[in-house]
Amino acid sequence: MVHGTTWSNALRFALSRLVNLPAGSNTHYYFGICTPQSHPIHQQFWRRIEDDFGARVIVTLNYDILVEQALHTGDTRHRGAPRCYYGGFQHVQAVRKMTDVTRKTDELVRLGNEIVLYKLHGSVNWAWEWHSPTLKIHNDVRAVFRHSDDVGTPAVIPPIPEKEMPPEFSQVWNEARRSLSQCSRWIACGYSLPPYDVALRAFFEGILSEGNQTAILLLAPESPTLVERWRQICSKSTQVLPFPGFPDAFNHQWK
């Protein structure tokens, strides 16, 4: 405990800033990956990469659930399953969508199977809970808003060396590595490949050293300054192409 708080409480406070809960009580039990919503620019991004590239593998370093909430069938009036599932877990996945907190009733919703989503650092809807043998996947974000660690803690990890990872995250990283190695084109959106993130740099370098990638598209305002960083860890045959950030990137041909 430092200055009156704990690491667990500080983590929850920070993660809760990533969740834009609607007004009302108990909304953290209803708001989750079965809630379809996204910013228009976010929607345009996913339409673009699916139309141009047929993207089927997504790797994110973020803890939020923006990807899951964007990858829905388009019906914003119905809380249904996202089109993606989590890589590193069993392929057939289901979550319990709360229908009435007071009566403790819920509905089992099976996640989609179109796109595999790897969350290398965890998610606000994942939790370690004493009664679960492994990471628990919730539809909602309850784990972030719990007042006690007795019923579970959010399953997120900071950037750490792979050798220090919990076994569940090692499986996520290993499967992400295999999937990325089979993708000939990468779109790196908003990621700067910072030198201090040694584990991720080694992770990407190990995959790119196999030379299976033909192109890496960098989407970021500072993308021209990032080209050399990526060229240092990929083969000479791989093109590294800089593009501006959003929304300017949509004015360019990505293919």
Protein backbone atom coordinates (compact mmCIF):
# COMPACT_ATOMS: atom_id res chain seq x y z
CA MET A 1 0.00 0.00 0.00
CA VAL A 2 1.37 3.40 -1.01
CA HIS A 3 -0.24 6.72 -0.03
CA GLY A 4 -3.46 5.06 1.10
CA THR A 5 -4.18 2.81 -1.86
CA THR A 6 -3.19 -0.55 -3.31
CA TRP A 7 -1.97 -1.63 -6.74
CA SER A 8 -5.25 -3.48 -7.31
CA ASN A 9 -7.35 -0.40 -6.52
CA ALA A 10 -5.13 1.84 -8.64
CA LEU A 11 -5.44 -0.60 -11.52
CA ARG A 12 -9.22 -0.66 -11.25
CA PHE A 13 -9.36 3.12 -11.17
CA ALA A 14 -7.25 3.36 -14.33
CA LEU A 15 -9.21 0.66 -16.16
CA SER A 16 -12.54 2.23 -15.28
CA ARG A 17 -11.44 5.34 -17.19
CA LEU A 18 -11.44 3.14 -20.32
CA VAL A 19 -15.10 2.28 -19.86
CA ASN A 20 -17.72 4.84 -20.88
CA LEU A 21 -20.66 3.44 -18.95
CA PRO A 22 -24.16 4.69 -19.73
CA ALA A 23 -26.14 6.36 -16.95
CA GLY A 24 -27.97 4.23 -14.42
CA SER A 25 -27.30 1.77 -11.63
CA ASN A 26 -25.71 -1.61 -12.26
CA THR A 27 -24.81 -0.63 -15.82
CA HIS A 28 -21.45 -2.37 -15.48
CA TYR A 29 -23.42 -5.66 -15.52
CA TYR A 30 -25.15 -4.82 -18.81
CA PHE A 31 -22.46 -2.94 -20.74
CA GLY A 32 -20.00 -5.21 -22.49
CA ILE A 33 -18.87 -6.99 -25.63
CA CYS A 34 -22.50 -7.81 -26.53
CA THR A 35 -23.21 -4.07 -26.69
CA PRO A 36 -22.83 -2.94 -30.32
CA GLN A 37 -21.47 0.58 -30.61
CA SER A 38 -18.57 2.43 -32.20
CA HIS A 39 -17.50 5.83 -33.47
CA PRO A 40 -18.22 6.45 -37.18
CA ILE A 41 -14.47 6.64 -37.90
CA HIS A 42 -13.99 3.31 -36.14
CA GLN A 43 -16.77 1.79 -38.26
CA GLN A 44 -15.18 3.16 -41.42
CA PHE A 45 -11.83 1.66 -40.45
CA TRP A 46 -13.19 -1.86 -39.99
CA ARG A 47 -15.21 -1.68 -43.20
CA ARG A 48 -12.11 -0.59 -45.07
CA ILE A 49 -9.78 -3.33 -43.89
CA GLU A 50 -12.43 -6.02 -44.34
CA ASP A 51 -13.33 -4.83 -47.85
CA ASP A 52 -9.73 -4.31 -48.98
CA PHE A 53 -7.95 -7.10 -47.12
CA GLY A 54 -10.53 -9.53 -45.78
CA ALA A 55 -8.92 -9.21 -42.35
CA ARG A 56 -9.42 -12.23 -40.11
CA VAL A 57 -6.72 -11.75 -37.44
CA ILE A 58 -6.59 -8.80 -35.03
CA VAL A 59 -3.93 -8.25 -32.39
CA THR A 60 -4.44 -5.44 -29.91
CA LEU A 61 -2.39 -4.12 -27.01
CA ASN A 62 -5.36 -2.22 -25.56
CA TYR A 63 -7.39 -3.30 -22.52
CA ASP A 64 -10.65 -1.73 -23.70
CA ILE A 65 -13.47 -3.50 -25.59
CA LEU A 66 -13.78 -1.07 -28.52
CA VAL A 67 -12.91 -3.77 -31.07
CA GLU A 68 -15.51 -6.21 -29.77
CA GLN A 69 -18.21 -3.53 -29.65
CA ALA A 70 -17.47 -2.46 -33.22
CA LEU A 71 -17.44 -5.95 -34.75
CA HIS A 72 -21.17 -6.58 -34.67
CA THR A 73 -23.69 -7.29 -37.39
CA GLY A 74 -24.97 -3.71 -37.33
CA ASP A 75 -28.10 -3.98 -35.17
CA THR A 76 -27.47 -1.40 -32.44
CA ARG A 77 -30.84 -2.11 -30.81
CA HIS A 78 -30.04 -5.66 -29.80
CA ARG A 79 -27.32 -6.82 -27.43
CA GLY A 80 -25.99 -9.78 -29.34
CA ALA A 81 -22.73 -11.58 -29.96
CA PRO A 82 -19.76 -9.86 -31.60
CA ARG A 83 -18.44 -11.44 -34.78
CA CYS A 84 -15.06 -12.16 -33.18
CA TYR A 85 -13.75 -14.62 -30.61
CA TYR A 86 -10.69 -14.51 -28.35
CA GLY A 87 -7.53 -16.21 -29.53
CA GLY A 88 -5.69 -18.22 -26.91
CA PHE A 89 -8.88 -19.66 -25.40
CA GLN A 90 -11.06 -22.52 -26.58
CA HIS A 91 -12.48 -21.78 -30.02
CA VAL A 92 -16.14 -22.21 -29.02
CA GLN A 93 -16.72 -19.38 -26.54
CA ALA A 94 -19.83 -18.16 -24.78
CA VAL A 95 -20.55 -15.41 -22.27
CA ARG A 96 -23.46 -14.82 -19.95
CA LYS A 97 -25.33 -11.65 -20.91
CA MET A 98 -27.07 -10.28 -17.83
CA THR A 99 -30.79 -9.71 -18.38
CA ASP A 100 -31.84 -8.81 -14.82
CA VAL A 101 -29.32 -8.12 -12.08
CA THR A 102 -31.96 -8.10 -9.34
CA ARG A 103 -33.31 -11.52 -10.27
CA LYS A 104 -29.83 -12.75 -11.30
CA THR A 105 -31.06 -13.92 -14.67
CA ASP A 106 -28.88 -14.08 -17.74
CA GLU A 107 -28.71 -15.42 -21.27
CA LEU A 108 -25.91 -17.52 -22.68
CA VAL A 109 -24.51 -15.92 -25.84
CA ARG A 110 -22.07 -17.73 -28.10
CA LEU A 111 -19.36 -15.53 -29.60
CA GLY A 112 -18.86 -15.37 -33.35
CA ASN A 113 -16.21 -17.21 -35.34
CA GLU A 114 -15.43 -14.85 -38.23
CA ILE A 115 -12.43 -13.03 -36.75
CA VAL A 116 -9.90 -14.04 -34.11
CA LEU A 117 -8.95 -11.31 -31.63
CA TYR A 118 -5.75 -11.57 -29.61
CA LYS A 119 -5.51 -9.25 -26.59
CA LEU A 120 -1.87 -9.51 -25.58
CA HIS A 121 -2.19 -7.51 -22.37
CA GLY A 122 -5.66 -8.59 -21.26
CA SER A 123 -9.07 -6.98 -21.23
CA VAL A 124 -11.45 -5.11 -18.94
CA ASN A 125 -13.94 -7.97 -19.31
CA TRP A 126 -11.49 -10.72 -18.29
CA ALA A 127 -10.96 -11.73 -14.69
CA TRP A 128 -9.10 -14.11 -12.45
CA GLU A 129 -11.68 -15.57 -10.08
CA TRP A 130 -11.19 -18.11 -7.31
CA HIS A 131 -13.98 -20.40 -8.56
CA SER A 132 -12.74 -20.50 -12.18
CA PRO A 133 -9.87 -22.82 -13.21
CA THR A 134 -8.58 -20.28 -15.75
CA LEU A 135 -9.25 -16.77 -16.99
CA LYS A 136 -12.96 -15.97 -16.90
CA ILE A 137 -14.42 -14.16 -19.91
CA HIS A 138 -17.34 -11.93 -19.00
CA ASN A 139 -19.65 -10.15 -21.39
CA ASP A 140 -19.65 -7.16 -19.05
CA VAL A 141 -17.04 -5.08 -17.26
CA ARG A 142 -17.96 -6.02 -13.69
CA ALA A 143 -14.40 -7.01 -12.75
CA VAL A 144 -13.21 -3.41 -13.05
CA PHE A 145 -15.86 -2.06 -10.69
CA ARG A 146 -15.66 -4.60 -7.89
CA HIS A 147 -14.81 -3.24 -4.45
CA SER A 148 -12.93 -6.30 -3.24
CA ASP A 149 -10.35 -8.74 -4.59
CA ASP A 150 -12.14 -11.59 -2.82
CA VAL A 151 -14.43 -12.24 -5.80
CA GLY A 152 -11.80 -11.72 -8.50
CA THR A 153 -9.39 -9.28 -10.08
CA PRO A 154 -9.21 -7.85 -13.62
CA ALA A 155 -7.04 -10.03 -15.87
CA VAL A 156 -4.66 -7.48 -17.34
CA ILE A 157 -0.89 -7.36 -17.37
CA PRO A 158 1.50 -4.48 -18.03
CA PRO A 159 4.23 -4.80 -20.69
CA ILE A 160 6.49 -7.44 -19.11
CA PRO A 161 9.00 -10.00 -20.40
CA GLU A 162 7.35 -13.13 -21.77
CA LYS A 163 9.12 -15.30 -19.19
CA GLU A 164 7.20 -13.50 -16.43
CA MET A 165 3.75 -13.98 -17.98
CA PRO A 166 0.95 -16.01 -16.41
CA PRO A 167 0.40 -19.29 -18.31
CA GLU A 168 -2.90 -18.08 -19.81
CA PHE A 169 -1.23 -15.08 -21.42
CA SER A 170 1.63 -17.19 -22.73
CA GLN A 171 -0.96 -19.19 -24.64
CA VAL A 172 -2.50 -16.02 -26.08
CA TRP A 173 0.92 -14.78 -27.21
CA ASN A 174 1.93 -18.14 -28.69
CA GLU A 175 -1.24 -18.45 -30.74
CA ALA A 176 -0.99 -14.82 -31.84
CA ARG A 177 2.56 -15.49 -33.00
CA ARG A 178 1.42 -18.44 -35.13
CA SER A 179 -1.46 -16.49 -36.65
CA LEU A 180 0.60 -13.39 -37.45
CA SER A 181 3.32 -15.49 -39.07
CA GLN A 182 0.73 -16.65 -41.61
CA CYS A 183 -0.47 -13.11 -42.45
CA SER A 184 1.34 -11.68 -45.48
CA ARG A 185 0.20 -8.10 -44.86
CA TRP A 186 0.04 -6.26 -41.57
CA ILE A 187 -1.76 -3.02 -40.74
CA ALA A 188 -0.18 -1.39 -37.68
CA CYS A 189 -2.63 1.24 -36.48
CA GLY A 190 -1.47 3.79 -33.93
CA TYR A 191 1.44 1.71 -32.63
CA SER A 192 4.89 3.29 -32.56
CA LEU A 193 7.02 0.20 -31.74
CA PRO A 194 8.63 2.03 -28.80
CA PRO A 195 12.23 0.97 -27.99
CA TYR A 196 11.42 0.50 -24.28
CA ASP A 197 8.86 -2.24 -24.99
CA VAL A 198 11.50 -4.95 -25.31
CA ALA A 199 9.12 -7.92 -25.10
CA LEU A 200 6.86 -6.75 -27.92
CA ARG A 201 9.78 -5.71 -30.11
CA ALA A 202 11.25 -9.20 -29.74
CA PHE A 203 7.80 -10.70 -30.34
CA PHE A 204 7.33 -8.90 -33.66
CA GLU A 205 10.97 -9.31 -34.70
CA GLY A 206 10.79 -13.07 -34.19
CA ILE A 207 7.78 -13.31 -36.51
CA LEU A 208 9.11 -10.91 -39.16
CA SER A 209 12.47 -12.66 -39.27
CA GLU A 210 10.76 -15.58 -41.00
CA GLY A 211 10.21 -13.31 -44.01
CA ASN A 212 6.59 -14.27 -44.71
CA GLN A 213 5.30 -10.69 -44.73
CA THR A 214 5.15 -8.76 -48.01
CA ALA A 215 4.01 -5.40 -46.58
CA ILE A 216 3.47 -3.53 -43.32
CA LEU A 217 1.12 -0.55 -43.48
CA LEU A 218 1.71 2.04 -40.75
CA LEU A 219 -1.34 4.17 -39.91
CA ALA A 220 -0.34 7.00 -37.56
CA PRO A 221 0.22 10.77 -37.72
CA GLU A 222 3.96 10.19 -37.19
CA SER A 223 4.19 7.16 -39.50
CA PRO A 224 7.10 8.51 -41.67
CA THR A 225 9.30 8.63 -38.57
CA LEU A 226 8.37 5.03 -37.66
CA VAL A 227 9.37 3.41 -40.94
CA GLU A 228 13.01 2.90 -39.94
CA ARG A 229 12.04 1.25 -36.63
CA TRP A 230 10.03 -1.39 -38.44
CA ARG A 231 12.64 -1.86 -41.15
CA GLN A 232 15.18 -2.71 -38.47
CA ILE A 233 13.21 -5.79 -37.44
CA CYS A 234 11.83 -7.11 -40.76
CA SER A 235 13.39 -8.63 -43.85
CA LYS A 236 14.57 -6.45 -46.73
CA SER A 237 11.87 -7.90 -48.96
CA THR A 238 9.08 -6.54 -46.72
CA GLN A 239 7.68 -3.17 -47.75
CA VAL A 240 7.05 -0.70 -44.91
CA LEU A 241 4.54 1.90 -46.08
CA PRO A 242 3.65 5.04 -44.07
CA PHE A 243 0.12 6.47 -44.08
CA PRO A 244 -1.41 9.33 -42.05
CA GLY A 245 -3.64 8.83 -39.06
CA PHE A 246 -7.43 9.04 -39.06
CA PRO A 247 -9.40 10.44 -40.77
CA ASP A 248 -6.76 11.47 -43.35
CA ALA A 249 -5.76 7.85 -43.94
CA PHE A 250 -9.10 7.18 -45.61
CA ASN A 251 -8.12 9.49 -48.48
CA HIS A 252 -5.35 7.10 -49.53
CA GLN A 253 -5.31 3.73 -51.28
CA TRP A 254 -4.01 1.11 -48.86
CA LYS A 255 -3.64 -1.80 -51.25
